[in-house]
Amino acid sequence: MTEPDQPVSSPEETSEPKERMAHPFRSLRELVDFVSGKTVAPREDDTGLAEALPFPFLAIVGQQEMKLALLLGLVNPSIGGILLVGPRGTAKTTAVRSLLDLLPMIQRSTCYYVCQPEDVESGGIDAVCPECAKKYAEGLPLTAPDRVRLVELPLNARLEDVVGGLDERAAIHERMRIRRGILAQADKNLLYIDEINLLSDDIIDAILDAAAQGLYTVRRGPVAATYRARFVLIGSMNPEEGKLRPQILDRFGLRVVVRGLEDAGERLEAYRRVQAYLANPRAMIGLYANEILAATREIQDARKTLRRVRLPDQLATHSIALIQKMGIDSLRAEITWFEAARAYAAADGREEVTPDDLRAVAPMALRLRRSAFMNEYFSSQQGEEDELAGLLKSLKTTRRKK
């Protein structure tokens, strides 16, 4: 039954579209094949139109150490990554995703195959694709300003998704080329891994290798490709769900223990901010727009200042002695500690690290560094070492005759 004020359409009228749809034909041949019924019109890939509206970073209540660690990672990627350890519901993932509005600008390749000027400088003109080789010869830039990106590794990612596989685009032209994986896409970006303690061993090994060298090689039959993977690794985990392998724990420079808010007033304020964000995300983000813009500029300025920040030798020597007293064997302890202190000084607009800078970042850089297993292992070996030294003393020293 139809409404009296609405005309009823006949079957012939409903079968005809109201307007013609344009199809993305790449050539006249494709158009002819489609009209003759030989092929189906190509469909555009669904790239998604949802706009990212993350919770404002500056609106997160409390969690000062976590926010400081994330900001230091933006200022100085050399700190070696950030690990957030804590129970569920403590804003770990929210804080990482809220960095989208604070990410600084860098120079990024404009080529599909990520050709860089340094490729030509190190490997010659044949190290880049023909199009970039032409640009380089004409004096045109191979890079353009772009914002640092937040690349997330899905928990169900396959190894081929992480490192890369055969490129289907090249296969169409009967060529074999390796397609970039998530690790290559994370070059000069932030790589975030939620529930990192639940990743499979093969993926963790791939991430470890790429993080250690800053690049990795993919081999698929006779084809091989090497990609840069210079990223800041950010991981989060809930210790209740499983432990993290010592090998990957050592790759994180800063380790942040994220606890729930203890002050009732802070918890109430957090609830009110979340409620306002859920009701109107744009309005909530607008409340912090000026502060976010100012923080972004400060991060960009701090990255420039970082190049000039120095650590006095006397202060560095005293700090290393402190690390040795703690019984920490890994050299990454002082590397992370000193680089975090340099970032802290740069964020304050200073060009020399002070003891206060080291004190401010020491807990994040030095916690979870000692290994009870290694201490027990070395203790058990000490008896063997003493026995061996005693036996060697019994050997008589012989002199050669002239």
Protein backbone atom coordinates (compact mmCIF):
# COMPACT_ATOMS: atom_id res chain seq x y z
CA MET A 1 0.00 0.00 0.00
CA THR A 2 1.41 3.39 -1.03
CA GLU A 3 0.90 6.87 0.29
CA PRO A 4 -1.69 8.86 -1.75
CA ASP A 5 0.65 11.80 -2.32
CA GLN A 6 3.48 9.67 -3.74
CA PRO A 7 3.37 8.50 -7.39
CA VAL A 8 3.77 4.81 -8.00
CA SER A 9 6.70 3.91 -10.26
CA SER A 10 6.33 1.31 -12.96
CA PRO A 11 8.81 -1.57 -13.25
CA GLU A 12 10.19 -0.02 -16.44
CA GLU A 13 10.89 3.24 -14.61
CA THR A 14 12.59 1.62 -11.63
CA SER A 15 14.90 -0.46 -13.82
CA GLU A 16 16.53 2.66 -15.29
CA PRO A 17 19.06 4.54 -13.17
CA LYS A 18 18.42 8.19 -12.57
CA GLU A 19 21.92 9.15 -13.67
CA ARG A 20 24.83 7.45 -15.34
CA MET A 21 27.73 6.32 -13.20
CA ALA A 22 31.25 7.21 -14.34
CA HIS A 23 33.74 4.34 -14.41
CA PRO A 24 37.51 4.75 -13.95
CA PHE A 25 38.58 3.33 -17.34
CA ARG A 26 42.28 3.64 -17.94
CA SER A 27 42.14 3.28 -21.74
CA LEU A 28 39.80 3.14 -24.74
CA ARG A 29 40.38 -0.62 -24.90
CA GLU A 30 38.94 -1.06 -21.40
CA LEU A 31 35.90 1.02 -22.35
CA VAL A 32 35.26 -1.07 -25.50
CA ASP A 33 35.65 -4.33 -23.57
CA PHE A 34 33.20 -3.14 -20.93
CA VAL A 35 30.57 -2.05 -23.46
CA SER A 36 30.86 -5.38 -25.30
CA GLY A 37 30.42 -7.27 -22.03
CA LYS A 38 33.90 -8.80 -21.96
CA THR A 39 34.91 -7.25 -18.66
CA VAL A 40 33.33 -5.85 -15.54
CA ALA A 41 33.88 -2.23 -14.68
CA PRO A 42 36.78 -1.81 -12.24
CA ARG A 43 35.83 -0.77 -8.73
CA GLU A 44 37.60 1.81 -6.68
CA ASP A 45 39.19 0.48 -3.51
CA ASP A 46 37.42 1.49 -0.33
CA THR A 47 40.02 3.61 1.43
CA GLY A 48 37.71 4.57 4.26
CA LEU A 49 36.35 8.04 4.88
CA ALA A 50 36.16 8.03 8.66
CA GLU A 51 37.95 10.99 10.20
CA ALA A 52 40.30 10.34 13.10
CA LEU A 53 39.23 12.37 16.12
CA PRO A 54 41.49 11.19 18.94
CA PHE A 55 40.98 12.18 22.54
CA PRO A 56 43.09 15.30 23.22
CA PHE A 57 46.47 14.41 24.67
CA LEU A 58 46.43 17.43 26.97
CA ALA A 59 43.01 16.41 28.30
CA ILE A 60 44.33 13.19 29.86
CA VAL A 61 44.09 13.53 33.64
CA GLY A 62 47.18 12.66 35.68
CA GLN A 63 49.62 10.02 34.35
CA GLN A 64 52.44 12.58 34.24
CA GLU A 65 55.22 10.04 33.75
CA MET A 66 53.45 8.35 30.83
CA LYS A 67 52.79 11.66 29.09
CA LEU A 68 56.38 12.79 29.67
CA ALA A 69 57.80 9.57 28.20
CA LEU A 70 55.67 9.88 25.06
CA LEU A 71 56.65 13.51 24.55
CA LEU A 72 60.34 12.69 24.97
CA GLY A 73 59.92 10.02 22.30
CA LEU A 74 58.63 12.68 19.89
CA VAL A 75 61.55 15.00 20.68
CA ASN A 76 64.32 12.38 20.47
CA PRO A 77 63.71 9.09 18.63
CA SER A 78 67.12 7.87 19.86
CA ILE A 79 65.74 7.04 23.31
CA GLY A 80 65.00 3.57 21.96
CA GLY A 81 61.26 3.16 22.36
CA ILE A 82 58.67 3.32 25.14
CA LEU A 83 56.93 0.51 26.99
CA LEU A 84 53.72 1.17 28.93
CA VAL A 85 53.02 -1.47 31.57
CA GLY A 86 49.80 -1.42 33.52
CA PRO A 87 46.32 -2.84 34.06
CA ARG A 88 43.36 -2.33 31.77
CA GLY A 89 41.59 1.02 31.68
CA THR A 90 44.56 3.23 32.58
CA ALA A 91 44.54 5.23 29.29
CA LYS A 92 47.62 3.58 27.77
CA THR A 93 46.19 3.15 24.27
CA THR A 94 44.26 6.41 24.51
CA ALA A 95 47.46 8.32 25.28
CA VAL A 96 49.36 6.82 22.36
CA ARG A 97 46.59 7.47 19.84
CA SER A 98 46.13 10.99 21.14
CA LEU A 99 49.64 11.82 19.88
CA LEU A 100 48.22 12.29 16.37
CA ASP A 101 47.75 16.02 16.91
CA LEU A 102 51.26 16.49 18.31
CA LEU A 103 53.34 14.68 15.71
CA PRO A 104 56.17 16.81 14.25
CA MET A 105 57.06 17.40 10.59
CA ILE A 106 59.83 15.55 8.75
CA GLN A 107 61.10 15.15 5.18
CA ARG A 108 59.53 12.08 3.55
CA SER A 109 60.00 10.43 0.17
CA THR A 110 57.30 11.12 -2.42
CA CYS A 111 58.05 7.92 -4.37
CA TYR A 112 55.97 4.74 -4.21
CA TYR A 113 59.21 2.80 -3.69
CA VAL A 114 60.41 5.27 -1.00
CA CYS A 115 63.51 6.42 -2.84
CA GLN A 116 65.68 8.79 -0.81
CA PRO A 117 68.45 11.24 -1.78
CA GLU A 118 70.86 9.31 0.43
CA ASP A 119 70.21 6.24 -1.73
CA VAL A 120 71.85 8.01 -4.65
CA GLU A 121 74.69 9.27 -2.47
CA SER A 122 75.49 5.80 -1.13
CA GLY A 123 74.59 3.52 -4.06
CA GLY A 124 74.63 5.70 -7.14
CA ILE A 125 71.85 6.60 -9.54
CA ASP A 126 70.93 2.93 -10.04
CA ALA A 127 69.88 2.70 -6.39
CA VAL A 128 66.63 4.55 -7.08
CA CYS A 129 63.76 3.98 -9.47
CA PRO A 130 63.93 5.48 -13.02
CA GLU A 131 61.44 8.22 -12.18
CA CYS A 132 63.42 9.36 -9.13
CA ALA A 133 66.67 9.08 -11.07
CA LYS A 134 65.23 11.51 -13.61
CA LYS A 135 64.12 13.88 -10.84
CA TYR A 136 67.55 13.74 -9.22
CA ALA A 137 69.28 14.49 -12.51
CA GLU A 138 67.01 17.49 -13.06
CA GLY A 139 67.69 18.80 -9.58
CA LEU A 140 64.13 18.19 -8.37
CA PRO A 141 63.55 17.15 -4.73
CA LEU A 142 62.79 13.52 -3.92
CA THR A 143 61.20 14.36 -0.58
CA ALA A 144 58.54 16.69 0.75
CA PRO A 145 57.54 17.87 4.24
CA ASP A 146 55.18 15.45 5.93
CA ARG A 147 53.95 14.78 9.43
CA VAL A 148 55.25 11.83 11.44
CA ARG A 149 52.63 9.08 11.41
CA LEU A 150 51.37 6.64 13.99
CA VAL A 151 51.50 3.13 12.53
CA GLU A 152 49.66 0.47 14.51
CA LEU A 153 50.50 -3.21 14.29
CA PRO A 154 47.32 -5.31 14.47
CA LEU A 155 47.40 -8.17 16.93
CA ASN A 156 46.30 -10.59 14.16
CA ALA A 157 48.99 -9.42 11.72
CA ARG A 158 50.79 -12.11 9.72
CA LEU A 159 54.53 -12.20 9.22
CA GLU A 160 54.04 -11.26 5.55
CA ASP A 161 52.04 -8.22 6.63
CA VAL A 162 54.86 -7.16 8.94
CA VAL A 163 57.89 -7.60 6.67
CA GLY A 164 56.27 -7.55 3.20
CA GLY A 165 55.56 -9.91 0.32
CA LEU A 166 55.32 -9.99 -3.47
CA ASP A 167 53.88 -6.82 -5.00
CA GLU A 168 50.69 -7.52 -6.96
CA ARG A 169 51.10 -4.27 -8.92
CA ALA A 170 54.40 -5.42 -10.33
CA ALA A 171 53.00 -8.91 -11.05
CA ILE A 172 50.49 -7.36 -13.47
CA HIS A 173 53.42 -6.25 -15.62
CA GLU A 174 55.04 -9.71 -15.33
CA ARG A 175 57.67 -8.44 -12.93
CA MET A 176 58.59 -9.52 -9.44
CA ARG A 177 58.96 -6.90 -6.75
CA ILE A 178 58.69 -6.99 -2.98
CA ARG A 179 55.82 -5.06 -1.42
CA ARG A 180 56.66 -3.02 1.66
CA GLY A 181 55.43 -4.33 4.98
CA ILE A 182 54.36 -2.57 8.16
CA LEU A 183 57.95 -2.28 9.39
CA ALA A 184 58.99 -0.40 6.25
CA GLN A 185 55.90 1.80 6.47
CA ALA A 186 56.94 2.66 10.03
CA ASP A 187 60.25 4.18 8.87
CA LYS A 188 60.65 7.62 10.50
CA ASN A 189 57.32 7.07 12.23
CA LEU A 190 55.94 5.71 15.49
CA LEU A 191 55.19 1.98 15.54
CA TYR A 192 52.59 1.18 18.19
CA ILE A 193 51.97 -2.40 19.32
CA ASP A 194 49.13 -2.94 21.75
CA GLU A 195 49.27 -6.13 23.84
CA ILE A 196 52.83 -6.64 22.67
CA ASN A 197 53.31 -9.53 25.07
CA LEU A 198 50.76 -11.56 23.05
CA LEU A 199 52.59 -11.36 19.71
CA SER A 200 53.90 -14.56 18.12
CA ASP A 201 57.62 -15.29 18.31
CA ASP A 202 58.29 -14.97 14.56
CA ILE A 203 56.84 -11.47 14.42
CA ILE A 204 58.71 -10.42 17.56
CA ASP A 205 61.96 -11.69 16.04
CA ALA A 206 61.33 -9.65 12.88
CA ILE A 207 60.67 -6.53 14.92
CA LEU A 208 63.78 -7.12 17.04
CA ASP A 209 65.98 -7.47 13.97
CA ALA A 210 64.58 -4.34 12.32
CA ALA A 211 64.76 -2.27 15.52
CA ALA A 212 68.37 -3.29 16.15
CA GLN A 213 69.71 -2.50 12.67
CA GLY A 214 67.34 0.19 11.45
CA LEU A 215 66.71 -1.85 8.30
CA TYR A 216 65.78 -5.36 7.25
CA THR A 217 65.87 -7.60 4.19
CA VAL A 218 62.98 -9.56 2.70
CA ARG A 219 63.62 -12.53 0.41
CA ARG A 220 60.93 -14.15 -1.72
CA GLY A 221 62.47 -16.73 -4.02
CA PRO A 222 64.98 -15.05 -6.35
CA VAL A 223 63.82 -11.55 -5.33
CA ALA A 224 65.17 -9.65 -2.34
CA ALA A 225 64.68 -6.12 -1.06
CA THR A 226 66.14 -4.15 1.83
CA TYR A 227 64.05 -1.50 3.60
CA ARG A 228 64.79 1.09 6.22
CA ALA A 229 62.94 0.68 9.50
CA ARG A 230 64.01 3.56 11.74
CA PHE A 231 61.02 3.87 14.01
CA VAL A 232 60.19 4.70 17.60
CA LEU A 233 58.72 1.53 19.04
CA ILE A 234 55.85 2.07 21.48
CA GLY A 235 54.34 -0.94 23.20
CA SER A 236 51.69 -1.46 25.82
CA MET A 237 50.86 -4.53 27.85
CA ASN A 238 48.90 -5.84 30.79
CA PRO A 239 51.17 -8.05 32.97
CA GLU A 240 48.14 -10.15 33.95
CA GLU A 241 47.91 -11.49 30.39
CA GLY A 242 51.48 -12.74 30.08
CA LYS A 243 55.12 -11.79 30.39
CA LEU A 244 57.28 -10.09 27.78
CA ARG A 245 60.34 -11.84 26.41
CA PRO A 246 63.59 -10.37 27.82
CA GLN A 247 64.95 -9.85 24.29
CA ILE A 248 62.21 -7.41 23.32
CA LEU A 249 61.98 -5.84 26.77
CA ASP A 250 65.62 -4.79 26.37
CA ARG A 251 64.71 -2.94 23.15
CA PHE A 252 62.51 -0.48 25.00
CA GLY A 253 64.42 2.51 26.30
CA LEU A 254 61.83 3.99 28.65
CA ARG A 255 59.68 1.73 30.82
CA VAL A 256 56.61 3.36 32.34
CA VAL A 257 54.53 1.70 35.05
CA VAL A 258 51.00 3.01 34.51
CA ARG A 259 48.77 2.80 37.56
CA GLY A 260 45.17 3.84 38.02
CA LEU A 261 44.35 7.29 39.34
CA GLU A 262 44.38 7.25 43.14
CA ASP A 263 42.80 10.65 43.81
CA ALA A 264 38.99 10.57 43.75
CA GLY A 265 38.86 14.12 42.39
CA GLU A 266 41.07 13.18 39.44
CA ARG A 267 38.92 10.15 38.66
CA LEU A 268 35.80 12.31 38.64
CA GLU A 269 37.46 14.87 36.36
CA ALA A 270 38.56 12.08 34.01
CA TYR A 271 34.98 10.83 33.84
CA ARG A 272 33.65 14.30 33.02
CA ARG A 273 36.20 14.78 30.22
CA VAL A 274 35.44 11.40 28.71
CA GLN A 275 31.72 12.12 28.89
CA ALA A 276 32.23 15.46 27.11
CA TYR A 277 34.34 13.79 24.43
CA LEU A 278 31.76 11.07 23.76
CA ALA A 279 28.97 13.65 23.55
CA ASN A 280 30.80 15.93 21.09
CA PRO A 281 34.37 15.00 20.06
CA ARG A 282 34.89 18.10 17.93
CA ALA A 283 33.85 20.46 20.70
CA MET A 284 36.11 18.67 23.18
CA ILE A 285 39.08 18.84 20.82
CA GLY A 286 38.34 22.51 20.17
CA LEU A 287 38.72 23.31 23.86
CA TYR A 288 42.38 22.27 23.67
CA ALA A 289 43.13 23.42 20.10
CA ASN A 290 45.32 26.39 21.08
CA GLU A 291 47.27 24.41 23.67
CA ILE A 292 47.81 21.53 21.23
CA LEU A 293 49.08 23.93 18.55
CA ALA A 294 51.50 25.52 21.01
CA ALA A 295 52.74 22.10 22.19
CA THR A 296 53.30 20.99 18.58
CA ARG A 297 55.46 24.03 17.91
CA GLU A 298 57.44 23.45 21.10
CA ILE A 299 58.11 19.84 20.11
CA GLN A 300 59.33 20.96 16.69
CA ASP A 301 61.61 23.57 18.26
CA ALA A 302 62.92 21.02 20.78
CA ARG A 303 63.87 18.64 17.95
CA LYS A 304 66.01 21.41 16.45
CA THR A 305 67.56 22.33 19.79
CA LEU A 306 68.38 18.68 20.51
CA ARG A 307 71.24 18.71 18.00
CA ARG A 308 73.11 21.23 20.15
CA VAL A 309 72.45 19.72 23.58
CA ARG A 310 75.56 18.29 25.22
CA LEU A 311 76.16 16.13 28.29
CA PRO A 312 79.23 17.12 30.40
CA ASP A 313 81.77 14.31 30.72
CA GLN A 314 82.02 14.63 34.50
CA LEU A 315 78.26 14.24 34.89
CA ALA A 316 78.21 11.31 32.47
CA THR A 317 81.02 9.53 34.34
CA HIS A 318 79.28 9.93 37.68
CA SER A 319 76.02 8.63 36.19
CA ILE A 320 77.70 5.54 34.73
CA ALA A 321 79.17 4.76 38.17
CA LEU A 322 75.64 4.89 39.57
CA ILE A 323 74.45 2.42 36.93
CA GLN A 324 77.28 0.05 37.82
CA LYS A 325 76.38 0.23 41.50
CA MET A 326 72.85 -0.84 40.56
CA GLY A 327 74.28 -3.95 38.90
CA ILE A 328 72.90 -3.14 35.43
CA ASP A 329 74.88 -4.84 32.67
CA SER A 330 73.12 -3.55 29.54
CA LEU A 331 74.81 -0.59 27.87
CA ARG A 332 71.39 0.51 26.65
CA ALA A 333 70.73 1.80 30.17
CA GLU A 334 73.09 4.78 29.90
CA ILE A 335 72.27 5.31 26.21
CA THR A 336 68.57 5.67 26.99
CA TRP A 337 69.16 7.64 30.19
CA PHE A 338 71.46 10.18 28.55
CA GLU A 339 69.35 10.57 25.40
CA ALA A 340 66.20 11.07 27.47
CA ALA A 341 67.99 13.68 29.58
CA ARG A 342 69.11 15.49 26.41
CA ALA A 343 65.50 15.50 25.17
CA TYR A 344 64.33 16.80 28.54
CA ALA A 345 66.82 19.66 28.39
CA ALA A 346 65.91 20.45 24.77
CA ALA A 347 62.22 20.60 25.67
CA ASP A 348 63.16 23.24 28.26
CA GLY A 349 65.13 25.21 25.67
CA ARG A 350 68.56 24.49 27.20
CA GLU A 351 71.70 23.19 25.50
CA GLU A 352 73.40 21.44 28.45
CA VAL A 353 72.16 18.55 30.56
CA THR A 354 72.01 19.11 34.32
CA PRO A 355 71.70 16.65 37.23
CA ASP A 356 68.03 17.65 37.54
CA ASP A 357 67.43 16.47 33.97
CA LEU A 358 68.97 13.09 34.75
CA ARG A 359 66.96 12.75 37.95
CA ALA A 360 63.70 13.54 36.14
CA VAL A 361 64.05 10.70 33.62
CA ALA A 362 66.07 8.17 35.64
CA PRO A 363 63.14 6.03 36.88
CA MET A 364 61.80 5.54 33.35
CA ALA A 365 65.21 4.72 31.91
CA LEU A 366 66.64 2.46 34.64
CA ARG A 367 63.73 0.43 36.02
CA LEU A 368 63.27 -3.21 34.98
CA ARG A 369 66.91 -3.40 33.88
CA ARG A 370 68.35 -5.88 36.37
CA SER A 371 68.03 -9.58 35.69
CA ALA A 372 67.72 -11.97 38.64
CA PHE A 373 68.42 -14.88 36.32
CA MET A 374 71.72 -13.43 35.08
CA ASN A 375 72.81 -12.61 38.64
CA GLU A 376 72.19 -16.21 39.70
CA TYR A 377 73.89 -17.51 36.57
CA PHE A 378 77.06 -15.47 37.12
CA SER A 379 77.11 -16.45 40.81
CA SER A 380 76.94 -20.15 39.93
CA GLN A 381 79.83 -19.71 37.49
CA GLN A 382 82.04 -17.93 39.98
CA GLY A 383 83.13 -21.18 41.63
CA GLU A 384 84.29 -22.56 38.29
CA GLU A 385 86.16 -19.33 37.53
CA ASP A 386 87.98 -19.45 40.89
CA GLU A 387 88.92 -23.09 40.38
CA LEU A 388 90.25 -22.37 36.90
CA ALA A 389 92.31 -19.42 38.16
CA GLY A 390 93.87 -21.58 40.91
CA LEU A 391 94.84 -24.31 38.45
CA LEU A 392 96.43 -21.82 36.09
CA LYS A 393 98.62 -20.48 38.92
CA SER A 394 100.16 -23.93 39.34
CA LEU A 395 101.60 -23.76 35.85
CA LYS A 396 105.33 -22.97 35.99
CA THR A 397 106.63 -20.12 33.94
CA THR A 398 109.29 -21.29 31.51
CA ARG A 399 111.91 -19.10 29.93
CA ARG A 400 113.13 -19.56 26.42
CA LYS A 401 116.84 -20.17 25.93
CA LYS A 402 118.65 -17.56 23.91
